[in-house]
Amino acid sequence: MNSPVLRSPEATRLSRSTLEWKKDVRLQEIEYRSIPMPIPEIESTEEWDMIRRVRVGTSEFRWFLASEPDLPESLYWALLASQDDEAVSVLAGNSDAPRALLETIARCDPLNGLTARHNPRVSPEVKNPTRIGDHSYESIDQYLIDMDATEEQWAALRHLYEHSPHPGGVLLEEAWESIAGPSDTRP
């Protein structure tokens, strides 16, 4: 005697693609937890209190804190470790966040990685596979500084930037190679 199997309405709505998506999200969470994060010096009890508040506080608190300039480095890393998507999204766009943290987001977070790649703070290697027109003037200028560009290269890349579609255009790496040549990819 077989008893009928009862299915909940939620179970009937889950398709194979939804389950695959949930599996991908779970793998990303595991990948996030395996990110080697530096342990910065924590200088005061106030800093410890703020780290505790990041862990137990509300999403709104983490979101607000992620946009703040001049935080201790440990708070930026605590915000990333919180895995709060909204806070990490704001953190990816914060140009005061440490370069290593932004590059970690760019490398490991498919949702916020693009925002981090356009942040002026990241290295040229991280910016290279993005479109030139997706960057800000500040990001392009920092790229030129990091690439140790000459005045002619500076003027040529700014010209390409100003006349490219926004957003869009050629890859930043291709734009740089068209100006500096394929062998001059790093100073």
C-alpha atoms as a PDB file:
ATOM      1  CA  MET A   1       0.000   0.000   0.000  1.00  0.00           C
ATOM      2  CA  ASN A   2       1.614   3.103  -1.222  1.00  0.00           C
ATOM      3  CA  SER A   3       0.639   6.326   0.380  1.00  0.00           C
ATOM      4  CA  PRO A   4       0.311   9.347  -1.856  1.00  0.00           C
ATOM      5  CA  VAL A   5       3.172  11.816  -1.866  1.00  0.00           C
ATOM      6  CA  LEU A   6       2.096  15.278  -0.908  1.00  0.00           C
ATOM      7  CA  ARG A   7       3.929  18.138  -2.560  1.00  0.00           C
ATOM      8  CA  SER A   8       3.983  21.633  -1.268  1.00  0.00           C
ATOM      9  CA  PRO A   9       3.174  24.468  -3.697  1.00  0.00           C
ATOM     10  CA  GLU A  10       6.794  25.647  -3.374  1.00  0.00           C
ATOM     11  CA  ALA A  11       8.121  22.258  -4.465  1.00  0.00           C
ATOM     12  CA  THR A  12       6.098  22.302  -7.658  1.00  0.00           C
ATOM     13  CA  ARG A  13       7.382  25.777  -8.546  1.00  0.00           C
ATOM     14  CA  LEU A  14      11.069  24.854  -8.315  1.00  0.00           C
ATOM     15  CA  SER A  15      12.377  24.066 -11.749  1.00  0.00           C
ATOM     16  CA  ARG A  16      15.701  22.467 -12.571  1.00  0.00           C
ATOM     17  CA  SER A  17      17.184  25.859 -13.526  1.00  0.00           C
ATOM     18  CA  THR A  18      16.107  27.316 -10.178  1.00  0.00           C
ATOM     19  CA  LEU A  19      17.796  24.472  -8.340  1.00  0.00           C
ATOM     20  CA  GLU A  20      20.962  24.975 -10.414  1.00  0.00           C
ATOM     21  CA  TRP A  21      20.876  28.679  -9.615  1.00  0.00           C
ATOM     22  CA  LYS A  22      20.529  27.933  -5.891  1.00  0.00           C
ATOM     23  CA  LYS A  23      23.454  25.509  -6.178  1.00  0.00           C
ATOM     24  CA  ASP A  24      25.561  28.231  -7.857  1.00  0.00           C
ATOM     25  CA  VAL A  25      24.682  30.733  -5.141  1.00  0.00           C
ATOM     26  CA  ARG A  26      25.632  28.204  -2.471  1.00  0.00           C
ATOM     27  CA  LEU A  27      28.977  27.558  -4.180  1.00  0.00           C
ATOM     28  CA  GLN A  28      29.619  31.300  -4.289  1.00  0.00           C
ATOM     29  CA  GLU A  29      28.914  31.520  -0.561  1.00  0.00           C
ATOM     30  CA  ILE A  30      31.445  28.773   0.052  1.00  0.00           C
ATOM     31  CA  GLU A  31      33.915  30.535  -2.243  1.00  0.00           C
ATOM     32  CA  TYR A  32      33.380  33.767  -0.307  1.00  0.00           C
ATOM     33  CA  ARG A  33      34.170  32.024   2.954  1.00  0.00           C
ATOM     34  CA  SER A  34      37.383  30.625   1.486  1.00  0.00           C
ATOM     35  CA  ILE A  35      38.736  34.040   0.464  1.00  0.00           C
ATOM     36  CA  PRO A  36      42.025  34.613   2.240  1.00  0.00           C
ATOM     37  CA  MET A  37      41.391  37.836   4.099  1.00  0.00           C
ATOM     38  CA  PRO A  38      44.177  39.706   5.829  1.00  0.00           C
ATOM     39  CA  ILE A  39      43.830  40.281   9.524  1.00  0.00           C
ATOM     40  CA  PRO A  40      44.489  43.993   9.903  1.00  0.00           C
ATOM     41  CA  GLU A  41      45.610  45.520  13.153  1.00  0.00           C
ATOM     42  CA  ILE A  42      42.687  46.509  15.321  1.00  0.00           C
ATOM     43  CA  GLU A  43      43.716  49.524  17.294  1.00  0.00           C
ATOM     44  CA  SER A  44      40.906  50.262  19.715  1.00  0.00           C
ATOM     45  CA  THR A  45      37.962  48.850  21.596  1.00  0.00           C
ATOM     46  CA  GLU A  46      35.701  51.134  19.527  1.00  0.00           C
ATOM     47  CA  GLU A  47      36.925  49.342  16.423  1.00  0.00           C
ATOM     48  CA  TRP A  48      36.137  45.960  18.011  1.00  0.00           C
ATOM     49  CA  ASP A  49      32.675  47.244  18.912  1.00  0.00           C
ATOM     50  CA  MET A  50      32.066  48.350  15.321  1.00  0.00           C
ATOM     51  CA  ILE A  51      33.174  44.948  13.989  1.00  0.00           C
ATOM     52  CA  ARG A  52      30.736  43.271  16.397  1.00  0.00           C
ATOM     53  CA  ARG A  53      27.976  45.625  15.203  1.00  0.00           C
ATOM     54  CA  VAL A  54      28.760  44.707  11.586  1.00  0.00           C
ATOM     55  CA  ARG A  55      28.299  41.024  12.442  1.00  0.00           C
ATOM     56  CA  VAL A  56      25.090  41.376  14.449  1.00  0.00           C
ATOM     57  CA  GLY A  57      23.658  44.645  13.120  1.00  0.00           C
ATOM     58  CA  THR A  58      21.009  45.237  10.528  1.00  0.00           C
ATOM     59  CA  SER A  59      21.505  45.251   6.796  1.00  0.00           C
ATOM     60  CA  GLU A  60      20.751  48.992   6.796  1.00  0.00           C
ATOM     61  CA  PHE A  61      23.583  49.605   9.265  1.00  0.00           C
ATOM     62  CA  ARG A  62      26.056  47.626   7.123  1.00  0.00           C
ATOM     63  CA  TRP A  63      24.828  49.380   3.966  1.00  0.00           C
ATOM     64  CA  PHE A  64      25.338  52.810   5.550  1.00  0.00           C
ATOM     65  CA  LEU A  65      28.754  51.882   6.962  1.00  0.00           C
ATOM     66  CA  ALA A  66      29.965  50.515   3.594  1.00  0.00           C
ATOM     67  CA  SER A  67      29.601  53.965   2.033  1.00  0.00           C
ATOM     68  CA  GLU A  68      31.624  55.751   4.695  1.00  0.00           C
ATOM     69  CA  PRO A  69      35.073  57.110   3.827  1.00  0.00           C
ATOM     70  CA  ASP A  70      38.139  56.642   5.989  1.00  0.00           C
ATOM     71  CA  LEU A  71      37.057  53.584   7.952  1.00  0.00           C
ATOM     72  CA  PRO A  72      39.682  51.381   9.562  1.00  0.00           C
ATOM     73  CA  GLU A  73      40.719  48.608   7.173  1.00  0.00           C
ATOM     74  CA  SER A  74      39.363  45.936   9.519  1.00  0.00           C
ATOM     75  CA  LEU A  75      35.820  47.310   9.134  1.00  0.00           C
ATOM     76  CA  TYR A  76      35.979  47.116   5.345  1.00  0.00           C
ATOM     77  CA  TRP A  77      37.022  43.455   5.580  1.00  0.00           C
ATOM     78  CA  ALA A  78      34.332  42.766   8.206  1.00  0.00           C
ATOM     79  CA  LEU A  79      31.735  44.207   5.820  1.00  0.00           C
ATOM     80  CA  LEU A  80      32.926  41.894   3.054  1.00  0.00           C
ATOM     81  CA  ALA A  81      32.889  38.918   5.421  1.00  0.00           C
ATOM     82  CA  SER A  82      29.292  39.736   6.385  1.00  0.00           C
ATOM     83  CA  GLN A  83      28.189  38.547   2.906  1.00  0.00           C
ATOM     84  CA  ASP A  84      25.443  41.167   2.916  1.00  0.00           C
ATOM     85  CA  ASP A  85      24.850  41.697  -0.828  1.00  0.00           C
ATOM     86  CA  GLU A  86      23.660  45.277  -0.399  1.00  0.00           C
ATOM     87  CA  ALA A  87      26.646  46.232   1.758  1.00  0.00           C
ATOM     88  CA  VAL A  88      29.109  44.519  -0.598  1.00  0.00           C
ATOM     89  CA  SER A  89      27.485  46.334  -3.525  1.00  0.00           C
ATOM     90  CA  VAL A  90      28.072  49.697  -1.862  1.00  0.00           C
ATOM     91  CA  LEU A  91      31.536  48.613  -0.753  1.00  0.00           C
ATOM     92  CA  ALA A  92      32.490  47.750  -4.358  1.00  0.00           C
ATOM     93  CA  GLY A  93      31.834  51.347  -5.364  1.00  0.00           C
ATOM     94  CA  ASN A  94      33.568  52.948  -2.368  1.00  0.00           C
ATOM     95  CA  SER A  95      36.810  54.488  -3.622  1.00  0.00           C
ATOM     96  CA  ASP A  96      38.162  54.655  -0.070  1.00  0.00           C
ATOM     97  CA  ALA A  97      38.085  50.864   0.383  1.00  0.00           C
ATOM     98  CA  PRO A  98      41.460  49.087   0.302  1.00  0.00           C
ATOM     99  CA  ARG A  99      42.698  47.982  -3.121  1.00  0.00           C
ATOM    100  CA  ALA A 100      43.122  44.355  -2.049  1.00  0.00           C
ATOM    101  CA  LEU A 101      39.508  44.213  -0.854  1.00  0.00           C
ATOM    102  CA  LEU A 102      38.164  45.716  -4.089  1.00  0.00           C
ATOM    103  CA  GLU A 103      40.206  43.301  -6.166  1.00  0.00           C
ATOM    104  CA  THR A 104      38.885  40.413  -4.070  1.00  0.00           C
ATOM    105  CA  ILE A 105      35.325  41.528  -4.835  1.00  0.00           C
ATOM    106  CA  ALA A 106      36.200  41.915  -8.533  1.00  0.00           C
ATOM    107  CA  ARG A 107      37.657  38.403  -8.645  1.00  0.00           C
ATOM    108  CA  CYS A 108      35.132  36.491  -6.522  1.00  0.00           C
ATOM    109  CA  ASP A 109      31.762  38.213  -6.719  1.00  0.00           C
ATOM    110  CA  PRO A 110      29.889  37.937 -10.024  1.00  0.00           C
ATOM    111  CA  LEU A 111      27.167  40.341  -8.857  1.00  0.00           C
ATOM    112  CA  ASN A 112      29.368  43.177  -7.602  1.00  0.00           C
ATOM    113  CA  GLY A 113      32.605  42.394  -9.403  1.00  0.00           C
ATOM    114  CA  LEU A 114      31.877  44.705 -12.327  1.00  0.00           C
ATOM    115  CA  THR A 115      31.288  47.635  -9.988  1.00  0.00           C
ATOM    116  CA  ALA A 116      34.594  46.875  -8.261  1.00  0.00           C
ATOM    117  CA  ARG A 117      36.421  46.679 -11.627  1.00  0.00           C
ATOM    118  CA  HIS A 118      35.290  50.234 -12.391  1.00  0.00           C
ATOM    119  CA  ASN A 119      36.429  51.565  -9.024  1.00  0.00           C
ATOM    120  CA  PRO A 120      39.317  54.035  -9.425  1.00  0.00           C
ATOM    121  CA  ARG A 121      41.293  52.210  -6.713  1.00  0.00           C
ATOM    122  CA  VAL A 122      41.777  48.871  -8.488  1.00  0.00           C
ATOM    123  CA  SER A 123      44.911  48.014 -10.434  1.00  0.00           C
ATOM    124  CA  PRO A 124      45.162  48.253 -14.229  1.00  0.00           C
ATOM    125  CA  GLU A 125      45.167  44.447 -14.521  1.00  0.00           C
ATOM    126  CA  VAL A 126      41.693  44.380 -12.974  1.00  0.00           C
ATOM    127  CA  LYS A 127      40.412  47.270 -15.120  1.00  0.00           C
ATOM    128  CA  ASN A 128      41.818  45.957 -18.431  1.00  0.00           C
ATOM    129  CA  PRO A 129      38.957  43.564 -19.354  1.00  0.00           C
ATOM    130  CA  THR A 130      36.299  46.288 -18.942  1.00  0.00           C
ATOM    131  CA  ARG A 131      34.924  48.728 -21.524  1.00  0.00           C
ATOM    132  CA  ILE A 132      36.554  52.148 -21.630  1.00  0.00           C
ATOM    133  CA  GLY A 133      33.249  54.019 -21.685  1.00  0.00           C
ATOM    134  CA  ASP A 134      32.063  52.327 -18.494  1.00  0.00           C
ATOM    135  CA  HIS A 135      34.685  54.120 -16.385  1.00  0.00           C
ATOM    136  CA  SER A 136      34.616  57.552 -14.780  1.00  0.00           C
ATOM    137  CA  TYR A 137      37.158  60.282 -15.481  1.00  0.00           C
ATOM    138  CA  GLU A 138      38.652  59.566 -12.068  1.00  0.00           C
ATOM    139  CA  SER A 139      39.058  55.879 -12.907  1.00  0.00           C
ATOM    140  CA  ILE A 140      40.697  56.631 -16.280  1.00  0.00           C
ATOM    141  CA  ASP A 141      43.045  59.170 -14.698  1.00  0.00           C
ATOM    142  CA  GLN A 142      44.093  56.692 -12.014  1.00  0.00           C
ATOM    143  CA  TYR A 143      44.638  54.066 -14.718  1.00  0.00           C
ATOM    144  CA  LEU A 144      46.970  56.465 -16.557  1.00  0.00           C
ATOM    145  CA  ILE A 145      48.855  57.232 -13.346  1.00  0.00           C
ATOM    146  CA  ASP A 146      49.225  53.513 -12.568  1.00  0.00           C
ATOM    147  CA  MET A 147      50.423  52.835 -16.126  1.00  0.00           C
ATOM    148  CA  ASP A 148      52.999  55.646 -15.814  1.00  0.00           C
ATOM    149  CA  ALA A 149      51.669  57.203 -19.024  1.00  0.00           C
ATOM    150  CA  THR A 150      53.507  59.901 -20.947  1.00  0.00           C
ATOM    151  CA  GLU A 151      51.767  63.173 -21.816  1.00  0.00           C
ATOM    152  CA  GLU A 152      51.071  61.897 -25.344  1.00  0.00           C
ATOM    153  CA  GLN A 153      49.609  58.625 -24.029  1.00  0.00           C
ATOM    154  CA  TRP A 154      47.565  60.582 -21.489  1.00  0.00           C
ATOM    155  CA  ALA A 155      46.097  62.832 -24.185  1.00  0.00           C
ATOM    156  CA  ALA A 156      45.440  59.918 -26.581  1.00  0.00           C
ATOM    157  CA  LEU A 157      43.646  57.744 -24.019  1.00  0.00           C
ATOM    158  CA  ARG A 158      41.581  60.681 -22.753  1.00  0.00           C
ATOM    159  CA  HIS A 159      40.622  61.416 -26.373  1.00  0.00           C
ATOM    160  CA  LEU A 160      39.564  57.778 -26.900  1.00  0.00           C
ATOM    161  CA  TYR A 161      37.621  57.882 -23.634  1.00  0.00           C
ATOM    162  CA  GLU A 162      35.835  61.127 -24.461  1.00  0.00           C
ATOM    163  CA  HIS A 163      34.842  59.896 -27.938  1.00  0.00           C
ATOM    164  CA  SER A 164      33.781  56.374 -27.008  1.00  0.00           C
ATOM    165  CA  PRO A 165      30.187  55.352 -26.306  1.00  0.00           C
ATOM    166  CA  HIS A 166      29.203  55.728 -22.665  1.00  0.00           C
ATOM    167  CA  PRO A 167      28.650  53.053 -21.482  1.00  0.00           C
ATOM    168  CA  GLY A 168      30.549  50.764 -23.800  1.00  0.00           C
ATOM    169  CA  GLY A 169      33.369  51.171 -26.248  1.00  0.00           C
ATOM    170  CA  VAL A 170      36.464  49.062 -26.722  1.00  0.00           C
ATOM    171  CA  LEU A 171      38.125  47.171 -23.919  1.00  0.00           C
ATOM    172  CA  LEU A 172      40.429  49.357 -21.863  1.00  0.00           C
ATOM    173  CA  GLU A 173      43.311  46.970 -22.529  1.00  0.00           C
ATOM    174  CA  GLU A 174      42.781  47.263 -26.300  1.00  0.00           C
ATOM    175  CA  ALA A 175      42.623  51.064 -26.058  1.00  0.00           C
ATOM    176  CA  TRP A 176      45.898  51.132 -24.133  1.00  0.00           C
ATOM    177  CA  GLU A 177      47.588  48.763 -26.593  1.00  0.00           C
ATOM    178  CA  SER A 178      46.468  50.930 -29.532  1.00  0.00           C
ATOM    179  CA  ILE A 179      48.228  53.882 -27.898  1.00  0.00           C
ATOM    180  CA  ALA A 180      51.251  52.329 -26.187  1.00  0.00           C
ATOM    181  CA  GLY A 181      51.765  49.252 -28.338  1.00  0.00           C
ATOM    182  CA  PRO A 182      51.197  45.597 -27.401  1.00  0.00           C
ATOM    183  CA  SER A 183      54.536  45.240 -25.604  1.00  0.00           C
ATOM    184  CA  ASP A 184      53.901  48.138 -23.218  1.00  0.00           C
ATOM    185  CA  THR A 185      51.202  46.648 -21.010  1.00  0.00           C
ATOM    186  CA  ARG A 186      52.753  47.549 -17.633  1.00  0.00           C
ATOM    187  CA  PRO A 187      55.327  50.099 -16.541  1.00  0.00           C
END
